[in-house]
Amino acid sequence: MTIDVSAQDFEQNVLGNDKPVLVDFWAPWCGPCKMVAPILDALEQGMGDRLTVAKVNVDDNQELAGQYGVRGIPTLMLFDNGDLIAQQTGVMNQAQITEWLNKHLSLGAAS
């Protein structure tokens, strides 16, 4: 399940998570964000045992977005063991996001 995260619980749900966390910084009025949302839902369904997907509404969490230097949305940030390890701004399709994740994490199925 994709989780909604705010400034109040970001540390617990993202930085303190025992799995890598893909954070989507988005806004309800953002058309491209609406295009990315179902892709992230599908990724979470497929990788949910290995990856947590979290969403941060930048309108409600402007200070948090500023703290992480979010200048455009959608912005995807990948955290592992509490560290920001990758960041991407703009729309990507599911294959591009999967490739981006695999580039930065070992999330592939065990062979």
PDB file of N, CA and C in Angstrom:
ATOM      1  N   MET A   1       0.841  -1.182   0.000  1.00  0.00           N
ATOM      2  CA  MET A   1       0.000   0.000   0.000  1.00  0.00           C
ATOM      3  C   MET A   1       0.884   1.243   0.000  1.00  0.00           C
ATOM      4  N   THR A   2       0.586   2.177  -0.878  1.00  0.00           N
ATOM      5  CA  THR A   2       1.277   3.451  -0.909  1.00  0.00           C
ATOM      6  C   THR A   2       0.855   4.253   0.319  1.00  0.00           C
ATOM      7  N   ILE A   3       1.825   4.860   0.983  1.00  0.00           N
ATOM      8  CA  ILE A   3       1.497   5.604   2.208  1.00  0.00           C
ATOM      9  C   ILE A   3       1.642   7.105   1.973  1.00  0.00           C
ATOM     10  N   ASP A   4       0.749   7.868   2.588  1.00  0.00           N
ATOM     11  CA  ASP A   4       0.856   9.325   2.572  1.00  0.00           C
ATOM     12  C   ASP A   4       1.719   9.728   3.756  1.00  0.00           C
ATOM     13  N   VAL A   5       2.714  10.557   3.476  1.00  0.00           N
ATOM     14  CA  VAL A   5       3.668  10.951   4.502  1.00  0.00           C
ATOM     15  C   VAL A   5       3.644  12.470   4.626  1.00  0.00           C
ATOM     16  N   SER A   6       3.777  12.946   5.848  1.00  0.00           N
ATOM     17  CA  SER A   6       3.846  14.383   6.114  1.00  0.00           C
ATOM     18  C   SER A   6       5.175  14.689   6.804  1.00  0.00           C
ATOM     19  N   ALA A   7       5.403  15.956   7.031  1.00  0.00           N
ATOM     20  CA  ALA A   7       6.627  16.365   7.732  1.00  0.00           C
ATOM     21  C   ALA A   7       6.700  15.723   9.118  1.00  0.00           C
ATOM     22  N   GLN A   8       5.539  15.520   9.740  1.00  0.00           N
ATOM     23  CA  GLN A   8       5.509  14.974  11.092  1.00  0.00           C
ATOM     24  C   GLN A   8       5.958  13.511  11.158  1.00  0.00           C
ATOM     25  N   ASP A   9       5.673  12.736  10.119  1.00  0.00           N
ATOM     26  CA  ASP A   9       6.020  11.311  10.184  1.00  0.00           C
ATOM     27  C   ASP A   9       7.044  10.887   9.124  1.00  0.00           C
ATOM     28  N   PHE A  10       7.683  11.856   8.453  1.00  0.00           N
ATOM     29  CA  PHE A  10       8.661  11.551   7.410  1.00  0.00           C
ATOM     30  C   PHE A  10       9.841  10.769   7.982  1.00  0.00           C
ATOM     31  N   GLU A  11      10.338  11.213   9.111  1.00  0.00           N
ATOM     32  CA  GLU A  11      11.501  10.543   9.709  1.00  0.00           C
ATOM     33  C   GLU A  11      11.181   9.081  10.026  1.00  0.00           C
ATOM     34  N   GLN A  12      10.035   8.845  10.625  1.00  0.00           N
ATOM     35  CA  GLN A  12       9.657   7.481  11.003  1.00  0.00           C
ATOM     36  C   GLN A  12       9.380   6.610   9.772  1.00  0.00           C
ATOM     37  N   ASN A  13       8.576   7.112   8.836  1.00  0.00           N
ATOM     38  CA  ASN A  13       8.121   6.288   7.719  1.00  0.00           C
ATOM     39  C   ASN A  13       9.098   6.195   6.556  1.00  0.00           C
ATOM     40  N   VAL A  14       9.979   7.173   6.424  1.00  0.00           N
ATOM     41  CA  VAL A  14      10.929   7.167   5.307  1.00  0.00           C
ATOM     42  C   VAL A  14      12.348   6.914   5.809  1.00  0.00           C
ATOM     43  N   LEU A  15      12.849   7.806   6.641  1.00  0.00           N
ATOM     44  CA  LEU A  15      14.245   7.692   7.082  1.00  0.00           C
ATOM     45  C   LEU A  15      14.463   6.489   7.985  1.00  0.00           C
ATOM     46  N   GLY A  16      13.444   6.093   8.748  1.00  0.00           N
ATOM     47  CA  GLY A  16      13.584   4.964   9.664  1.00  0.00           C
ATOM     48  C   GLY A  16      13.045   3.654   9.127  1.00  0.00           C
ATOM     49  N   ASN A  17      12.670   3.627   7.864  1.00  0.00           N
ATOM     50  CA  ASN A  17      12.092   2.416   7.283  1.00  0.00           C
ATOM     51  C   ASN A  17      13.170   1.362   7.066  1.00  0.00           C
ATOM     52  N   ASP A  18      12.834   0.094   7.285  1.00  0.00           N
ATOM     53  CA  ASP A  18      13.818  -0.975   7.084  1.00  0.00           C
ATOM     54  C   ASP A  18      13.924  -1.412   5.630  1.00  0.00           C
ATOM     55  N   LYS A  19      13.035  -0.884   4.769  1.00  0.00           N
ATOM     56  CA  LYS A  19      13.107  -1.145   3.331  1.00  0.00           C
ATOM     57  C   LYS A  19      13.458   0.161   2.618  1.00  0.00           C
ATOM     58  N   PRO A  20      13.988   0.076   1.404  1.00  0.00           N
ATOM     59  CA  PRO A  20      14.152   1.291   0.618  1.00  0.00           C
ATOM     60  C   PRO A  20      12.788   1.956   0.425  1.00  0.00           C
ATOM     61  N   VAL A  21      12.793   3.283   0.328  1.00  0.00           N
ATOM     62  CA  VAL A  21      11.548   4.032   0.182  1.00  0.00           C
ATOM     63  C   VAL A  21      11.639   4.943  -1.043  1.00  0.00           C
ATOM     64  N   LEU A  22      10.665   4.807  -1.932  1.00  0.00           N
ATOM     65  CA  LEU A  22      10.514   5.695  -3.074  1.00  0.00           C
ATOM     66  C   LEU A  22       9.490   6.752  -2.678  1.00  0.00           C
ATOM     67  N   VAL A  23       9.923   8.009  -2.620  1.00  0.00           N
ATOM     68  CA  VAL A  23       9.046   9.100  -2.206  1.00  0.00           C
ATOM     69  C   VAL A  23       8.667   9.929  -3.428  1.00  0.00           C
ATOM     70  N   ASP A  24       7.365  10.098  -3.608  1.00  0.00           N
ATOM     71  CA  ASP A  24       6.814  10.906  -4.691  1.00  0.00           C
ATOM     72  C   ASP A  24       6.373  12.242  -4.102  1.00  0.00           C
ATOM     73  N   PHE A  25       7.094  13.320  -4.454  1.00  0.00           N
ATOM     74  CA  PHE A  25       6.669  14.658  -4.080  1.00  0.00           C
ATOM     75  C   PHE A  25       5.721  15.137  -5.178  1.00  0.00           C
ATOM     76  N   TRP A  26       4.484  15.446  -4.820  1.00  0.00           N
ATOM     77  CA  TRP A  26       3.423  15.703  -5.793  1.00  0.00           C
ATOM     78  C   TRP A  26       2.485  16.793  -5.266  1.00  0.00           C
ATOM     79  N   ALA A  27       1.519  17.184  -6.118  1.00  0.00           N
ATOM     80  CA  ALA A  27       0.451  18.104  -5.709  1.00  0.00           C
ATOM     81  C   ALA A  27      -0.823  17.697  -6.451  1.00  0.00           C
ATOM     82  N   PRO A  28      -1.981  17.919  -5.823  1.00  0.00           N
ATOM     83  CA  PRO A  28      -3.252  17.505  -6.432  1.00  0.00           C
ATOM     84  C   PRO A  28      -3.554  18.200  -7.757  1.00  0.00           C
ATOM     85  N   TRP A  29      -3.049  19.392  -7.964  1.00  0.00           N
ATOM     86  CA  TRP A  29      -3.317  20.161  -9.177  1.00  0.00           C
ATOM     87  C   TRP A  29      -2.343  19.852 -10.317  1.00  0.00           C
ATOM     88  N   CYS A  30      -1.365  19.004 -10.068  1.00  0.00           N
ATOM     89  CA  CYS A  30      -0.284  18.712 -11.017  1.00  0.00           C
ATOM     90  C   CYS A  30      -0.682  17.583 -11.975  1.00  0.00           C
ATOM     91  N   GLY A  31      -0.897  17.936 -13.242  1.00  0.00           N
ATOM     92  CA  GLY A  31      -1.273  16.944 -14.244  1.00  0.00           C
ATOM     93  C   GLY A  31      -0.268  15.811 -14.399  1.00  0.00           C
ATOM     94  N   PRO A  32       1.028  16.130 -14.564  1.00  0.00           N
ATOM     95  CA  PRO A  32       2.021  15.060 -14.676  1.00  0.00           C
ATOM     96  C   PRO A  32       2.054  14.151 -13.448  1.00  0.00           C
ATOM     97  N   CYS A  33       1.794  14.708 -12.265  1.00  0.00           N
ATOM     98  CA  CYS A  33       1.767  13.893 -11.040  1.00  0.00           C
ATOM     99  C   CYS A  33       0.656  12.851 -11.122  1.00  0.00           C
ATOM    100  N   LYS A  34      -0.474  13.253 -11.705  1.00  0.00           N
ATOM    101  CA  LYS A  34      -1.597  12.329 -11.858  1.00  0.00           C
ATOM    102  C   LYS A  34      -1.251  11.205 -12.830  1.00  0.00           C
ATOM    103  N   MET A  35      -0.359  11.480 -13.782  1.00  0.00           N
ATOM    104  CA  MET A  35       0.078  10.447 -14.718  1.00  0.00           C
ATOM    105  C   MET A  35       0.991   9.438 -14.033  1.00  0.00           C
ATOM    106  N   VAL A  36       1.794   9.896 -13.083  1.00  0.00           N
ATOM    107  CA  VAL A  36       2.769   9.039 -12.406  1.00  0.00           C
ATOM    108  C   VAL A  36       2.103   8.185 -11.320  1.00  0.00           C
ATOM    109  N   ALA A  37       1.052   8.697 -10.700  1.00  0.00           N
ATOM    110  CA  ALA A  37       0.429   8.016  -9.562  1.00  0.00           C
ATOM    111  C   ALA A  37       0.056   6.561  -9.824  1.00  0.00           C
ATOM    112  N   PRO A  38      -0.654   6.227 -10.922  1.00  0.00           N
ATOM    113  CA  PRO A  38      -0.994   4.815 -11.130  1.00  0.00           C
ATOM    114  C   PRO A  38       0.228   3.942 -11.414  1.00  0.00           C
ATOM    115  N   ILE A  39       1.270   4.528 -11.978  1.00  0.00           N
ATOM    116  CA  ILE A  39       2.512   3.783 -12.219  1.00  0.00           C
ATOM    117  C   ILE A  39       3.150   3.405 -10.882  1.00  0.00           C
ATOM    118  N   LEU A  40       3.169   4.356  -9.961  1.00  0.00           N
ATOM    119  CA  LEU A  40       3.748   4.082  -8.646  1.00  0.00           C
ATOM    120  C   LEU A  40       2.914   3.061  -7.882  1.00  0.00           C
ATOM    121  N   ASP A  41       1.590   3.143  -8.027  1.00  0.00           N
ATOM    122  CA  ASP A  41       0.719   2.145  -7.393  1.00  0.00           C
ATOM    123  C   ASP A  41       1.031   0.749  -7.922  1.00  0.00           C
ATOM    124  N   ALA A  42       1.223   0.643  -9.241  1.00  0.00           N
ATOM    125  CA  ALA A  42       1.539  -0.657  -9.845  1.00  0.00           C
ATOM    126  C   ALA A  42       2.905  -1.155  -9.388  1.00  0.00           C
ATOM    127  N   LEU A  43       3.883  -0.266  -9.313  1.00  0.00           N
ATOM    128  CA  LEU A  43       5.218  -0.654  -8.840  1.00  0.00           C
ATOM    129  C   LEU A  43       5.157  -1.137  -7.401  1.00  0.00           C
ATOM    130  N   GLU A  44       4.382  -0.435  -6.589  1.00  0.00           N
ATOM    131  CA  GLU A  44       4.267  -0.820  -5.186  1.00  0.00           C
ATOM    132  C   GLU A  44       3.626  -2.194  -5.076  1.00  0.00           C
ATOM    133  N   GLN A  45       2.641  -2.466  -5.914  1.00  0.00           N
ATOM    134  CA  GLN A  45       1.994  -3.784  -5.885  1.00  0.00           C
ATOM    135  C   GLN A  45       2.982  -4.873  -6.273  1.00  0.00           C
ATOM    136  N   GLY A  46       3.842  -4.578  -7.239  1.00  0.00           N
ATOM    137  CA  GLY A  46       4.789  -5.579  -7.702  1.00  0.00           C
ATOM    138  C   GLY A  46       6.023  -5.713  -6.840  1.00  0.00           C
ATOM    139  N   MET A  47       6.410  -4.634  -6.170  1.00  0.00           N
ATOM    140  CA  MET A  47       7.659  -4.629  -5.397  1.00  0.00           C
ATOM    141  C   MET A  47       7.432  -4.357  -3.921  1.00  0.00           C
ATOM    142  N   GLY A  48       6.200  -4.378  -3.475  1.00  0.00           N
ATOM    143  CA  GLY A  48       5.857  -3.979  -2.118  1.00  0.00           C
ATOM    144  C   GLY A  48       6.576  -4.721  -1.016  1.00  0.00           C
ATOM    145  N   ASP A  49       7.002  -5.946  -1.306  1.00  0.00           N
ATOM    146  CA  ASP A  49       7.737  -6.694  -0.282  1.00  0.00           C
ATOM    147  C   ASP A  49       9.192  -6.226  -0.176  1.00  0.00           C
ATOM    148  N   ARG A  50       9.669  -5.490  -1.178  1.00  0.00           N
ATOM    149  CA  ARG A  50      11.064  -5.042  -1.207  1.00  0.00           C
ATOM    150  C   ARG A  50      11.219  -3.534  -1.201  1.00  0.00           C
ATOM    151  N   LEU A  51      10.102  -2.810  -1.371  1.00  0.00           N
ATOM    152  CA  LEU A  51      10.155  -1.366  -1.538  1.00  0.00           C
ATOM    153  C   LEU A  51       8.893  -0.744  -0.963  1.00  0.00           C
ATOM    154  N   THR A  52       9.042   0.369  -0.245  1.00  0.00           N
ATOM    155  CA  THR A  52       7.901   1.143   0.228  1.00  0.00           C
ATOM    156  C   THR A  52       7.749   2.352  -0.682  1.00  0.00           C
ATOM    157  N   VAL A  53       6.518   2.634  -1.076  1.00  0.00           N
ATOM    158  CA  VAL A  53       6.230   3.823  -1.877  1.00  0.00           C
ATOM    159  C   VAL A  53       5.470   4.802  -0.989  1.00  0.00           C
ATOM    160  N   ALA A  54       5.987   6.016  -0.905  1.00  0.00           N
ATOM    161  CA  ALA A  54       5.376   7.053  -0.075  1.00  0.00           C
ATOM    162  C   ALA A  54       5.105   8.282  -0.929  1.00  0.00           C
ATOM    163  N   LYS A  55       4.072   9.030  -0.551  1.00  0.00           N
ATOM    164  CA  LYS A  55       3.701  10.245  -1.270  1.00  0.00           C
ATOM    165  C   LYS A  55       3.717  11.423  -0.305  1.00  0.00           C
ATOM    166  N   VAL A  56       4.303  12.537  -0.749  1.00  0.00           N
ATOM    167  CA  VAL A  56       4.332  13.768   0.032  1.00  0.00           C
ATOM    168  C   VAL A  56       3.656  14.862  -0.790  1.00  0.00           C
ATOM    169  N   ASN A  57       2.544  15.374  -0.282  1.00  0.00           N
ATOM    170  CA  ASN A  57       1.841  16.482  -0.919  1.00  0.00           C
ATOM    171  C   ASN A  57       2.629  17.756  -0.629  1.00  0.00           C
ATOM    172  N   VAL A  58       3.205  18.365  -1.676  1.00  0.00           N
ATOM    173  CA  VAL A  58       4.063  19.533  -1.462  1.00  0.00           C
ATOM    174  C   VAL A  58       3.270  20.752  -1.009  1.00  0.00           C
ATOM    175  N   ASP A  59       1.982  20.824  -1.346  1.00  0.00           N
ATOM    176  CA  ASP A  59       1.164  21.950  -0.882  1.00  0.00           C
ATOM    177  C   ASP A  59       1.005  21.911   0.632  1.00  0.00           C
ATOM    178  N   ASP A  60       0.859  20.726   1.184  1.00  0.00           N
ATOM    179  CA  ASP A  60       0.673  20.559   2.629  1.00  0.00           C
ATOM    180  C   ASP A  60       1.988  20.465   3.388  1.00  0.00           C
ATOM    181  N   ASN A  61       3.091  20.247   2.668  1.00  0.00           N
ATOM    182  CA  ASN A  61       4.391  20.035   3.317  1.00  0.00           C
ATOM    183  C   ASN A  61       5.480  20.842   2.612  1.00  0.00           C
ATOM    184  N   GLN A  62       5.243  22.148   2.482  1.00  0.00           N
ATOM    185  CA  GLN A  62       6.169  23.007   1.747  1.00  0.00           C
ATOM    186  C   GLN A  62       7.558  23.055   2.386  1.00  0.00           C
ATOM    187  N   GLU A  63       7.606  23.049   3.702  1.00  0.00           N
ATOM    188  CA  GLU A  63       8.896  23.109   4.379  1.00  0.00           C
ATOM    189  C   GLU A  63       9.716  21.841   4.117  1.00  0.00           C
ATOM    190  N   LEU A  64       9.047  20.691   4.154  1.00  0.00           N
ATOM    191  CA  LEU A  64       9.731  19.422   3.878  1.00  0.00           C
ATOM    192  C   LEU A  64      10.230  19.385   2.436  1.00  0.00           C
ATOM    193  N   ALA A  65       9.391  19.819   1.507  1.00  0.00           N
ATOM    194  CA  ALA A  65       9.807  19.860   0.104  1.00  0.00           C
ATOM    195  C   ALA A  65      11.005  20.787  -0.070  1.00  0.00           C
ATOM    196  N   GLY A  66      10.983  21.925   0.606  1.00  0.00           N
ATOM    197  CA  GLY A  66      12.106  22.853   0.536  1.00  0.00           C
ATOM    198  C   GLY A  66      13.369  22.284   1.144  1.00  0.00           C
ATOM    199  N   GLN A  67      13.203  21.538   2.231  1.00  0.00           N
ATOM    200  CA  GLN A  67      14.345  20.923   2.905  1.00  0.00           C
ATOM    201  C   GLN A  67      15.081  19.972   1.965  1.00  0.00           C
ATOM    202  N   TYR A  68      14.325  19.296   1.087  1.00  0.00           N
ATOM    203  CA  TYR A  68      14.932  18.353   0.140  1.00  0.00           C
ATOM    204  C   TYR A  68      15.150  18.958  -1.246  1.00  0.00           C
ATOM    205  N   GLY A  69      14.969  20.272  -1.358  1.00  0.00           N
ATOM    206  CA  GLY A  69      15.291  20.960  -2.601  1.00  0.00           C
ATOM    207  C   GLY A  69      14.355  20.659  -3.752  1.00  0.00           C
ATOM    208  N   VAL A  70      13.113  20.332  -3.461  1.00  0.00           N
ATOM    209  CA  VAL A  70      12.147  20.041  -4.520  1.00  0.00           C
ATOM    210  C   VAL A  70      11.795  21.354  -5.222  1.00  0.00           C
ATOM    211  N   ARG A  71      12.105  21.438  -6.500  1.00  0.00           N
ATOM    212  CA  ARG A  71      11.851  22.642  -7.290  1.00  0.00           C
ATOM    213  C   ARG A  71      10.776  22.419  -8.344  1.00  0.00           C
ATOM    214  N   GLY A  72      10.550  21.183  -8.716  1.00  0.00           N
ATOM    215  CA  GLY A  72       9.532  20.842  -9.701  1.00  0.00           C
ATOM    216  C   GLY A  72       8.881  19.539  -9.289  1.00  0.00           C
ATOM    217  N   ILE A  73       7.683  19.320  -9.793  1.00  0.00           N
ATOM    218  CA  ILE A  73       6.978  18.079  -9.470  1.00  0.00           C
ATOM    219  C   ILE A  73       6.435  17.468 -10.752  1.00  0.00           C
ATOM    220  N   PRO A  74       6.307  16.164 -10.796  1.00  0.00           N
ATOM    221  CA  PRO A  74       6.654  15.239  -9.732  1.00  0.00           C
ATOM    222  C   PRO A  74       8.171  15.086  -9.573  1.00  0.00           C
ATOM    223  N   THR A  75       8.586  14.945  -8.331  1.00  0.00           N
ATOM    224  CA  THR A  75       9.970  14.606  -8.021  1.00  0.00           C
ATOM    225  C   THR A  75       9.963  13.295  -7.252  1.00  0.00           C
ATOM    226  N   LEU A  76      10.722  12.336  -7.745  1.00  0.00           N
ATOM    227  CA  LEU A  76      10.878  11.056  -7.068  1.00  0.00           C
ATOM    228  C   LEU A  76      12.221  11.053  -6.359  1.00  0.00           C
ATOM    229  N   MET A  77      12.202  10.662  -5.092  1.00  0.00           N
ATOM    230  CA  MET A  77      13.439  10.523  -4.327  1.00  0.00           C
ATOM    231  C   MET A  77      13.496   9.122  -3.759  1.00  0.00           C
ATOM    232  N   LEU A  78      14.657   8.541  -3.828  1.00  0.00           N
ATOM    233  CA  LEU A  78      14.864   7.182  -3.348  1.00  0.00           C
ATOM    234  C   LEU A  78      15.757   7.221  -2.117  1.00  0.00           C
ATOM    235  N   PHE A  79      15.230   6.683  -1.017  1.00  0.00           N
ATOM    236  CA  PHE A  79      15.962   6.632   0.239  1.00  0.00           C
ATOM    237  C   PHE A  79      16.265   5.179   0.587  1.00  0.00           C
ATOM    238  N   ASP A  80      17.462   4.950   1.093  1.00  0.00           N
ATOM    239  CA  ASP A  80      17.843   3.617   1.553  1.00  0.00           C
ATOM    240  C   ASP A  80      18.645   3.791   2.835  1.00  0.00           C
ATOM    241  N   ASN A  81      18.231   3.093   3.877  1.00  0.00           N
ATOM    242  CA  ASN A  81      18.871   3.211   5.191  1.00  0.00           C
ATOM    243  C   ASN A  81      18.929   4.663   5.668  1.00  0.00           C
ATOM    244  N   GLY A  82      17.866   5.419   5.366  1.00  0.00           N
ATOM    245  CA  GLY A  82      17.782   6.798   5.817  1.00  0.00           C
ATOM    246  C   GLY A  82      18.526   7.808   4.968  1.00  0.00           C
ATOM    247  N   ASP A  83      19.216   7.345   3.930  1.00  0.00           N
ATOM    248  CA  ASP A  83      19.999   8.242   3.073  1.00  0.00           C
ATOM    249  C   ASP A  83      19.315   8.443   1.728  1.00  0.00           C
ATOM    250  N   LEU A  84      19.324   9.671   1.230  1.00  0.00           N
ATOM    251  CA  LEU A  84      18.857   9.963  -0.117  1.00  0.00           C
ATOM    252  C   LEU A  84      19.915   9.462  -1.090  1.00  0.00           C
ATOM    253  N   ILE A  85      19.539   8.479  -1.920  1.00  0.00           N
ATOM    254  CA  ILE A  85      20.539   7.904  -2.830  1.00  0.00           C
ATOM    255  C   ILE A  85      20.295   8.253  -4.291  1.00  0.00           C
ATOM    256  N   ALA A  86      19.078   8.740  -4.617  1.00  0.00           N
ATOM    257  CA  ALA A  86      18.798   9.109  -5.998  1.00  0.00           C
ATOM    258  C   ALA A  86      17.602  10.041  -6.035  1.00  0.00           C
ATOM    259  N   GLN A  87      17.571  10.869  -7.080  1.00  0.00           N
ATOM    260  CA  GLN A  87      16.490  11.838  -7.237  1.00  0.00           C
ATOM    261  C   GLN A  87      16.222  12.041  -8.719  1.00  0.00           C
ATOM    262  N   GLN A  88      14.953  12.177  -9.077  1.00  0.00           N
ATOM    263  CA  GLN A  88      14.570  12.374 -10.476  1.00  0.00           C
ATOM    264  C   GLN A  88      13.339  13.274 -10.514  1.00  0.00           C
ATOM    265  N   THR A  89      13.391  14.307 -11.321  1.00  0.00           N
ATOM    266  CA  THR A  89      12.249  15.201 -11.476  1.00  0.00           C
ATOM    267  C   THR A  89      11.667  15.019 -12.872  1.00  0.00           C
ATOM    268  N   GLY A  90      10.341  14.990 -12.941  1.00  0.00           N
ATOM    269  CA  GLY A  90       9.653  14.863 -14.224  1.00  0.00           C
ATOM    270  C   GLY A  90       9.000  13.505 -14.376  1.00  0.00           C
ATOM    271  N   VAL A  91       8.208  13.392 -15.436  1.00  0.00           N
ATOM    272  CA  VAL A  91       7.440  12.176 -15.677  1.00  0.00           C
ATOM    273  C   VAL A  91       8.329  11.100 -16.293  1.00  0.00           C
ATOM    274  N   MET A  92       8.197   9.896 -15.781  1.00  0.00           N
ATOM    275  CA  MET A  92       8.829   8.711 -16.365  1.00  0.00           C
ATOM    276  C   MET A  92       7.746   7.650 -16.490  1.00  0.00           C
ATOM    277  N   ASN A  93       7.879   6.779 -17.480  1.00  0.00           N
ATOM    278  CA  ASN A  93       6.934   5.671 -17.576  1.00  0.00           C
ATOM    279  C   ASN A  93       7.379   4.541 -16.649  1.00  0.00           C
ATOM    280  N   GLN A  94       6.580   3.489 -16.593  1.00  0.00           N
ATOM    281  CA  GLN A  94       6.873   2.416 -15.640  1.00  0.00           C
ATOM    282  C   GLN A  94       8.210   1.749 -15.923  1.00  0.00           C
ATOM    283  N   ALA A  95       8.524   1.526 -17.181  1.00  0.00           N
ATOM    284  CA  ALA A  95       9.803   0.899 -17.517  1.00  0.00           C
ATOM    285  C   ALA A  95      10.973   1.783 -17.100  1.00  0.00           C
ATOM    286  N   GLN A  96      10.845   3.091 -17.303  1.00  0.00           N
ATOM    287  CA  GLN A  96      11.917   4.013 -16.931  1.00  0.00           C
ATOM    288  C   GLN A  96      12.105   4.059 -15.411  1.00  0.00           C
ATOM    289  N   ILE A  97      10.986   4.079 -14.671  1.00  0.00           N
ATOM    290  CA  ILE A  97      11.089   4.108 -13.212  1.00  0.00           C
ATOM    291  C   ILE A  97      11.702   2.806 -12.705  1.00  0.00           C
ATOM    292  N   THR A  98      11.276   1.689 -13.269  1.00  0.00           N
ATOM    293  CA  THR A  98      11.828   0.388 -12.863  1.00  0.00           C
ATOM    294  C   THR A  98      13.321   0.336 -13.138  1.00  0.00           C
ATOM    295  N   GLU A  99      13.732   0.798 -14.305  1.00  0.00           N
ATOM    296  CA  GLU A  99      15.157   0.819 -14.655  1.00  0.00           C
ATOM    297  C   GLU A  99      15.930   1.732 -13.697  1.00  0.00           C
ATOM    298  N   TRP A 100      15.347   2.875 -13.380  1.00  0.00           N
ATOM    299  CA  TRP A 100      15.969   3.831 -12.451  1.00  0.00           C
ATOM    300  C   TRP A 100      16.135   3.204 -11.067  1.00  0.00           C
ATOM    301  N   LEU A 101      15.081   2.524 -10.598  1.00  0.00           N
ATOM    302  CA  LEU A 101      15.162   1.845  -9.304  1.00  0.00           C
ATOM    303  C   LEU A 101      16.231   0.763  -9.304  1.00  0.00           C
ATOM    304  N   ASN A 102      16.238  -0.055 -10.350  1.00  0.00           N
ATOM    305  CA  ASN A 102      17.207  -1.153 -10.429  1.00  0.00           C
ATOM    306  C   ASN A 102      18.642  -0.646 -10.538  1.00  0.00           C
ATOM    307  N   LYS A 103      18.810   0.534 -11.124  1.00  0.00           N
ATOM    308  CA  LYS A 103      20.144   1.132 -11.232  1.00  0.00           C
ATOM    309  C   LYS A 103      20.703   1.465  -9.845  1.00  0.00           C
ATOM    310  N   HIS A 104      19.801   1.834  -8.938  1.00  0.00           N
ATOM    311  CA  HIS A 104      20.233   2.301  -7.626  1.00  0.00           C
ATOM    312  C   HIS A 104      20.058   1.281  -6.513  1.00  0.00           C
ATOM    313  N   LEU A 105      19.268   0.255  -6.758  1.00  0.00           N
ATOM    314  CA  LEU A 105      19.000  -0.757  -5.735  1.00  0.00           C
ATOM    315  C   LEU A 105      19.056  -2.139  -6.351  1.00  0.00           C
ATOM    316  N   SER A 106      19.252  -3.138  -5.525  1.00  0.00           N
ATOM    317  CA  SER A 106      19.179  -4.522  -5.984  1.00  0.00           C
ATOM    318  C   SER A 106      17.785  -5.047  -5.648  1.00  0.00           C
ATOM    319  N   LEU A 107      16.811  -4.711  -6.501  1.00  0.00           N
ATOM    320  CA  LEU A 107      15.424  -5.094  -6.239  1.00  0.00           C
ATOM    321  C   LEU A 107      14.928  -6.200  -7.160  1.00  0.00           C
ATOM    322  N   GLY A 108      15.772  -6.662  -8.050  1.00  0.00           N
ATOM    323  CA  GLY A 108      15.346  -7.691  -8.986  1.00  0.00           C
ATOM    324  C   GLY A 108      14.967  -8.972  -8.270  1.00  0.00           C
ATOM    325  N   ALA A 109      14.154  -9.753  -8.940  1.00  0.00           N
ATOM    326  CA  ALA A 109      13.736 -11.033  -8.369  1.00  0.00           C
ATOM    327  C   ALA A 109      14.947 -11.949  -8.239  1.00  0.00           C
ATOM    328  N   ALA A 110      14.960 -12.739  -7.200  1.00  0.00           N
ATOM    329  CA  ALA A 110      16.060 -13.697  -7.007  1.00  0.00           C
ATOM    330  C   ALA A 110      16.038 -14.716  -8.123  1.00  0.00           C
ATOM    331  N   SER A 111      17.207 -15.039  -8.636  1.00  0.00           N
ATOM    332  CA  SER A 111      17.245 -16.010  -9.740  1.00  0.00           C
ATOM    333  C   SER A 111      17.671 -17.370  -9.261  1.00  0.00           C
TER     334      SER A 111
END
